C-alpha atoms as a PDB file:
ATOM      1  CA  MET A   1      -0.006  -0.010  -0.012  1.00  0.00           C
ATOM      2  CA  THR A   2       1.427   3.373  -1.022  1.00  0.00           C
ATOM      3  CA  ALA A   3       0.041   6.695   0.169  1.00  0.00           C
ATOM      4  CA  GLY A   4      -3.340   5.133   0.791  1.00  0.00           C
ATOM      5  CA  VAL A   5      -3.441   3.304  -2.555  1.00  0.00           C
ATOM      6  CA  ASP A   6      -3.432  -0.509  -2.680  1.00  0.00           C
ATOM      7  CA  LEU A   7      -1.457  -1.144  -5.876  1.00  0.00           C
ATOM      8  CA  GLY A   8      -2.878  -4.648  -6.215  1.00  0.00           C
ATOM      9  CA  THR A   9      -6.432  -3.370  -6.433  1.00  0.00           C
ATOM     10  CA  PRO A  10      -7.911  -1.281  -9.246  1.00  0.00           C
ATOM     11  CA  GLN A  11      -8.806   2.189  -7.949  1.00  0.00           C
ATOM     12  CA  THR A  12     -12.089   3.699  -9.161  1.00  0.00           C
ATOM     13  CA  GLN A  13     -13.307   7.270  -9.114  1.00  0.00           C
ATOM     14  CA  ALA A  14     -16.621   8.676 -10.275  1.00  0.00           C
ATOM     15  CA  ILE A  15     -16.397  11.677 -12.611  1.00  0.00           C
ATOM     16  CA  ARG A  16     -19.393  13.920 -11.958  1.00  0.00           C
ATOM     17  CA  SER A  17     -17.836  17.333 -11.176  1.00  0.00           C
ATOM     18  CA  ASP A  18     -14.760  19.487 -11.621  1.00  0.00           C
ATOM     19  CA  GLU A  19     -13.636  18.327  -8.167  1.00  0.00           C
ATOM     20  CA  ASP A  20     -13.732  14.738  -9.415  1.00  0.00           C
ATOM     21  CA  VAL A  21     -11.427  15.689 -12.308  1.00  0.00           C
ATOM     22  CA  VAL A  22      -8.953  16.990  -9.696  1.00  0.00           C
ATOM     23  CA  ARG A  23      -9.333  13.726  -7.743  1.00  0.00           C
ATOM     24  CA  VAL A  24      -8.547  11.741 -10.904  1.00  0.00           C
ATOM     25  CA  ARG A  25      -5.355  13.764 -11.391  1.00  0.00           C
ATOM     26  CA  GLN A  26      -4.335  13.125  -7.785  1.00  0.00           C
ATOM     27  CA  LEU A  27      -5.062   9.395  -8.007  1.00  0.00           C
ATOM     28  CA  VAL A  28      -3.171   9.003 -11.269  1.00  0.00           C
ATOM     29  CA  ARG A  29      -0.165  10.929  -9.871  1.00  0.00           C
ATOM     30  CA  THR A  30      -0.119   8.744  -6.738  1.00  0.00           C
ATOM     31  CA  VAL A  31      -0.156   5.508  -8.722  1.00  0.00           C
ATOM     32  CA  ALA A  32       2.390   6.794 -11.265  1.00  0.00           C
ATOM     33  CA  VAL A  33       4.805   7.662  -8.443  1.00  0.00           C
ATOM     34  CA  ALA A  34       4.227   4.275  -6.813  1.00  0.00           C
ATOM     35  CA  VAL A  35       5.197   2.371  -9.970  1.00  0.00           C
ATOM     36  CA  LYS A  36       8.234   4.636 -10.328  1.00  0.00           C
ATOM     37  CA  LEU A  37       7.393   6.391 -13.579  1.00  0.00           C
ATOM     38  CA  SER A  38       9.897   9.168 -14.285  1.00  0.00           C
ATOM     39  CA  LEU A  39       8.805  12.708 -13.463  1.00  0.00           C
ATOM     40  CA  VAL A  40       8.393  13.443 -17.179  1.00  0.00           C
ATOM     41  CA  ASP A  41       6.232  10.340 -17.691  1.00  0.00           C
ATOM     42  CA  GLN A  42       4.219  11.128 -14.552  1.00  0.00           C
ATOM     43  CA  THR A  43       3.481  14.573 -15.957  1.00  0.00           C
ATOM     44  CA  LYS A  44       2.532  13.207 -19.384  1.00  0.00           C
ATOM     45  CA  LEU A  45       0.194  10.619 -17.845  1.00  0.00           C
ATOM     46  CA  VAL A  46      -1.443  13.083 -15.420  1.00  0.00           C
ATOM     47  CA  THR A  47      -1.927  15.586 -18.262  1.00  0.00           C
ATOM     48  CA  ALA A  48      -3.558  12.942 -20.513  1.00  0.00           C
ATOM     49  CA  ALA A  49      -5.717  11.727 -17.615  1.00  0.00           C
ATOM     50  CA  SER A  50      -6.852  15.251 -16.844  1.00  0.00           C
ATOM     51  CA  GLU A  51      -7.880  15.850 -20.455  1.00  0.00           C
ATOM     52  CA  LEU A  52      -9.700  12.537 -20.709  1.00  0.00           C
ATOM     53  CA  ALA A  53     -11.452  12.991 -17.347  1.00  0.00           C
ATOM     54  CA  ARG A  54     -12.615  16.457 -18.437  1.00  0.00           C
ATOM     55  CA  ASN A  55     -13.886  14.990 -21.724  1.00  0.00           C
ATOM     56  CA  THR A  56     -15.717  12.303 -19.764  1.00  0.00           C
ATOM     57  CA  LEU A  57     -17.413  15.003 -17.725  1.00  0.00           C
ATOM     58  CA  VAL A  58     -18.118  17.581 -20.437  1.00  0.00           C
ATOM     59  CA  TYR A  59     -18.901  15.413 -23.479  1.00  0.00           C
ATOM     60  CA  GLY A  60     -19.917  12.155 -21.855  1.00  0.00           C
ATOM     61  CA  GLY A  61     -22.069  13.732 -19.159  1.00  0.00           C
ATOM     62  CA  GLY A  62     -19.917  12.140 -16.456  1.00  0.00           C
ATOM     63  CA  GLY A  63     -18.797   8.591 -15.911  1.00  0.00           C
ATOM     64  CA  ALA A  64     -16.056   6.785 -14.073  1.00  0.00           C
ATOM     65  CA  VAL A  65     -12.372   5.979 -14.224  1.00  0.00           C
ATOM     66  CA  GLU A  66     -10.440   2.905 -13.153  1.00  0.00           C
ATOM     67  CA  VAL A  67      -6.707   3.155 -12.455  1.00  0.00           C
ATOM     68  CA  VAL A  68      -4.645  -0.036 -12.136  1.00  0.00           C
ATOM     69  CA  THR A  69      -0.998  -0.995 -12.138  1.00  0.00           C
ATOM     70  CA  VAL A  70       0.142  -3.386 -14.868  1.00  0.00           C
ATOM     71  CA  ASP A  71       3.260  -5.488 -15.365  1.00  0.00           C
ATOM     72  CA  ASN A  72       4.312  -7.053 -18.647  1.00  0.00           C
ATOM     73  CA  GLY A  73       7.181  -9.070 -17.163  1.00  0.00           C
ATOM     74  CA  ARG A  74       9.782  -6.444 -18.099  1.00  0.00           C
ATOM     75  CA  ARG A  75       8.219  -3.170 -17.020  1.00  0.00           C
ATOM     76  CA  ARG A  76       5.534  -1.837 -14.747  1.00  0.00           C
ATOM     77  CA  GLY A  77       3.030   0.753 -15.786  1.00  0.00           C
ATOM     78  CA  VAL A  78      -0.311   2.395 -15.196  1.00  0.00           C
ATOM     79  CA  ARG A  79      -3.475   1.567 -17.121  1.00  0.00           C
ATOM     80  CA  ILE A  80      -6.425   3.942 -16.921  1.00  0.00           C
ATOM     81  CA  VAL A  81      -9.913   3.237 -18.265  1.00  0.00           C
ATOM     82  CA  PHE A  82     -12.355   6.115 -18.721  1.00  0.00           C
ATOM     83  CA  ASP A  83     -15.970   5.088 -19.282  1.00  0.00           C
ATOM     84  CA  ASP A  84     -19.127   7.098 -19.921  1.00  0.00           C
ATOM     85  CA  SER A  85     -22.642   6.451 -21.131  1.00  0.00           C
ATOM     86  CA  GLY A  86     -22.871   9.678 -23.102  1.00  0.00           C
ATOM     87  CA  PRO A  87     -23.812  10.221 -26.739  1.00  0.00           C
ATOM     88  CA  GLY A  88     -20.640   8.636 -28.111  1.00  0.00           C
ATOM     89  CA  ILE A  89     -18.382  10.138 -30.762  1.00  0.00           C
ATOM     90  CA  ALA A  90     -20.052  10.432 -34.161  1.00  0.00           C
ATOM     91  CA  ASP A  91     -16.869  10.978 -36.238  1.00  0.00           C
ATOM     92  CA  LEU A  92     -13.958   9.323 -34.455  1.00  0.00           C
ATOM     93  CA  ASP A  93     -11.428  10.090 -37.220  1.00  0.00           C
ATOM     94  CA  LEU A  94     -12.271  13.771 -36.980  1.00  0.00           C
ATOM     95  CA  ALA A  95     -12.163  13.720 -33.179  1.00  0.00           C
ATOM     96  CA  LEU A  96      -8.669  12.204 -33.334  1.00  0.00           C
ATOM     97  CA  THR A  97      -7.389  14.907 -35.715  1.00  0.00           C
ATOM     98  CA  ASP A  98      -4.728  17.228 -34.301  1.00  0.00           C
ATOM     99  CA  GLY A  99      -6.214  20.559 -33.294  1.00  0.00           C
ATOM    100  CA  TYR A 100      -9.831  19.371 -33.461  1.00  0.00           C
ATOM    101  CA  THR A 101     -12.099  20.611 -30.691  1.00  0.00           C
ATOM    102  CA  THR A 102     -15.801  20.975 -30.260  1.00  0.00           C
ATOM    103  CA  GLY A 103     -15.362  23.060 -27.129  1.00  0.00           C
ATOM    104  CA  GLY A 104     -13.748  26.077 -28.731  1.00  0.00           C
ATOM    105  CA  GLY A 105     -10.996  25.847 -26.145  1.00  0.00           C
ATOM    106  CA  LEU A 106      -7.324  25.094 -26.234  1.00  0.00           C
ATOM    107  CA  GLY A 107      -7.597  21.586 -24.813  1.00  0.00           C
ATOM    108  CA  LEU A 108      -5.271  18.854 -25.943  1.00  0.00           C
ATOM    109  CA  GLY A 109      -8.105  16.927 -27.423  1.00  0.00           C
ATOM    110  CA  LEU A 110      -7.999  13.193 -27.951  1.00  0.00           C
ATOM    111  CA  SER A 111      -5.022  13.419 -30.312  1.00  0.00           C
ATOM    112  CA  GLY A 112      -2.933  15.230 -27.726  1.00  0.00           C
ATOM    113  CA  ALA A 113      -3.838  12.773 -25.012  1.00  0.00           C
ATOM    114  CA  ARG A 114      -2.985   9.903 -27.370  1.00  0.00           C
ATOM    115  CA  ARG A 115       0.520  11.342 -27.973  1.00  0.00           C
ATOM    116  CA  LEU A 116       1.231  11.500 -24.222  1.00  0.00           C
ATOM    117  CA  VAL A 117       0.755   7.805 -23.525  1.00  0.00           C
ATOM    118  CA  ASP A 118       2.255   4.550 -24.796  1.00  0.00           C
ATOM    119  CA  GLU A 119      -1.012   2.768 -25.584  1.00  0.00           C
ATOM    120  CA  PHE A 120      -4.367   4.335 -26.497  1.00  0.00           C
ATOM    121  CA  ASP A 121      -7.575   2.494 -27.324  1.00  0.00           C
ATOM    122  CA  ILE A 122     -10.990   4.039 -27.861  1.00  0.00           C
ATOM    123  CA  ARG A 123     -14.338   2.285 -28.243  1.00  0.00           C
ATOM    124  CA  THR A 124     -17.340   4.407 -29.031  1.00  0.00           C
ATOM    125  CA  GLY A 125     -20.618   4.368 -30.857  1.00  0.00           C
ATOM    126  CA  VAL A 126     -23.339   6.918 -31.345  1.00  0.00           C
ATOM    127  CA  GLY A 127     -25.760   6.487 -28.454  1.00  0.00           C
ATOM    128  CA  GLU A 128     -23.454   3.911 -26.836  1.00  0.00           C
ATOM    129  CA  GLY A 129     -21.044   6.018 -24.827  1.00  0.00           C
ATOM    130  CA  THR A 130     -17.283   5.944 -24.957  1.00  0.00           C
ATOM    131  CA  THR A 131     -14.555   3.887 -23.288  1.00  0.00           C
ATOM    132  CA  ILE A 132     -10.959   5.029 -23.563  1.00  0.00           C
ATOM    133  CA  THR A 133      -8.073   2.924 -22.247  1.00  0.00           C
ATOM    134  CA  VAL A 134      -4.585   4.363 -21.926  1.00  0.00           C
ATOM    135  CA  THR A 135      -1.374   2.842 -20.631  1.00  0.00           C
ATOM    136  CA  LYS A 136       1.959   4.443 -19.718  1.00  0.00           C
ATOM    137  CA  TRP A 137       4.947   2.132 -19.148  1.00  0.00           C
ATOM    138  CA  SER A 138       8.060   2.791 -17.063  1.00  0.00           C
ATOM    139  CA  ARG A 139      11.236   3.374 -19.075  1.00  0.00           C
END
């Protein structure tokens, strides 16, 4: 157990408010430190998680996140699954285009979040919600 986080157990957090987005950032940082990601990789993962948590809240109407440590036999890492029951993403190719935003803001967007992690998987369908899984491995 590290800083109140049992690394053997997936950690879940609801995403229903801005405060929950902050909690997701804190949880991801705690787990990233515990698996000994470098400071640069911690920052990349927390930044991606923050963007994806905000998207879950704003575009998915809220949802949940699960953070778990992973080990592939050579390296340890952090896997994060964001899940919502929102409207889904109608044009995934467009949503993954650099610079694309529907919010009119300067957010990283999905493409920016994808660049910050080692593995990125998205499953979505109109009316079916969205599940995004990201993984960052230790170097």
